Amino acid sequence: MAVRVKIRVKSRSSNKSLEITILVNGGAESTKPCIVVDEDAARELGLWPISHGRVPEVEEACDRSRNSCD
């Protein structure tokens, strides 16, 4: 069962904040806490367009043996 909670995210650089709903038990693991937001949320937080750094390209993972892909 998916568990989603609402949190308020605040940008350190722009001091803007936004309430978003996040999935907390998606199974992803990281050595550091991280939040991935879409481009619209990044704009509202003043984080987009990116002025430095890099933007990684990602693809959705799926299990073809279980036909779980769209």
Protein backbone atom coordinates (compact mmCIF):
# COMPACT_ATOMS: atom_id res chain seq x y z
CA MET A 1 0.00 0.00 0.00
CA ALA A 2 1.38 3.39 -0.99
CA VAL A 3 1.79 5.95 1.78
CA ARG A 4 1.73 9.61 0.81
CA VAL A 5 2.13 12.62 3.09
CA LYS A 6 2.01 16.37 2.59
CA ILE A 7 5.16 18.31 3.40
CA ARG A 8 6.26 21.92 2.99
CA VAL A 9 9.50 22.31 1.04
CA LYS A 10 11.49 25.54 1.39
CA SER A 11 14.26 26.62 -0.94
CA ARG A 12 17.36 27.87 0.87
CA SER A 13 18.37 30.06 -2.06
CA SER A 14 15.05 31.79 -2.84
CA ASN A 15 13.33 31.43 0.58
CA LYS A 16 10.16 30.36 -1.30
CA SER A 17 8.13 27.40 -0.03
CA LEU A 18 5.62 24.99 -1.52
CA GLU A 19 3.37 22.30 -0.07
CA ILE A 20 3.69 19.02 -1.97
CA THR A 21 2.50 15.44 -1.57
CA ILE A 22 5.27 12.85 -1.49
CA LEU A 23 5.44 9.06 -1.61
CA VAL A 24 7.31 7.89 1.49
CA ASN A 25 7.52 4.13 0.93
CA GLY A 26 8.50 3.92 -2.73
CA GLY A 27 11.43 1.60 -2.02
CA ALA A 28 14.18 4.00 -3.14
CA GLU A 29 17.23 4.28 -0.90
CA SER A 30 19.86 6.98 -0.61
CA THR A 31 22.76 7.81 1.69
CA LYS A 32 21.39 11.38 1.90
CA PRO A 33 17.79 12.57 2.12
CA CYS A 34 16.57 13.77 -1.26
CA ILE A 35 13.36 15.01 -2.85
CA VAL A 36 12.68 14.97 -6.56
CA VAL A 37 10.24 17.59 -7.81
CA ASP A 38 8.87 18.23 -11.26
CA GLU A 39 9.76 21.29 -13.34
CA ASP A 40 6.63 23.24 -12.28
CA ALA A 41 7.42 22.81 -8.58
CA ALA A 42 11.06 23.76 -9.19
CA ARG A 43 9.89 26.96 -10.92
CA GLU A 44 7.61 27.84 -8.00
CA LEU A 45 10.54 27.34 -5.62
CA GLY A 46 12.79 29.55 -7.76
CA LEU A 47 15.06 26.62 -8.64
CA TRP A 48 14.34 26.45 -12.36
CA PRO A 49 15.81 27.13 -14.83
CA ILE A 50 18.97 25.77 -13.28
CA SER A 51 21.81 28.29 -13.23
CA HIS A 52 24.64 25.91 -12.35
CA GLY A 53 25.25 22.22 -11.89
CA ARG A 54 23.80 19.51 -14.08
CA VAL A 55 20.41 18.02 -14.77
CA PRO A 56 20.48 14.22 -14.89
CA GLU A 57 18.28 12.36 -17.34
CA VAL A 58 16.28 9.50 -15.85
CA GLU A 59 13.97 6.80 -17.11
CA GLU A 60 11.15 4.97 -15.38
CA ALA A 61 12.14 1.51 -14.21
CA CYS A 62 9.81 -1.42 -14.76
CA ASP A 63 9.72 -5.17 -14.53
CA ARG A 64 9.00 -6.54 -17.99
CA SER A 65 8.83 -10.11 -16.67
CA ARG A 66 5.69 -9.14 -14.75
CA ASN A 67 4.22 -6.93 -17.50
CA SER A 68 4.22 -3.97 -15.13
CA CYS A 69 5.29 -1.46 -17.78
CA ASP A 70 2.81 0.79 -19.55
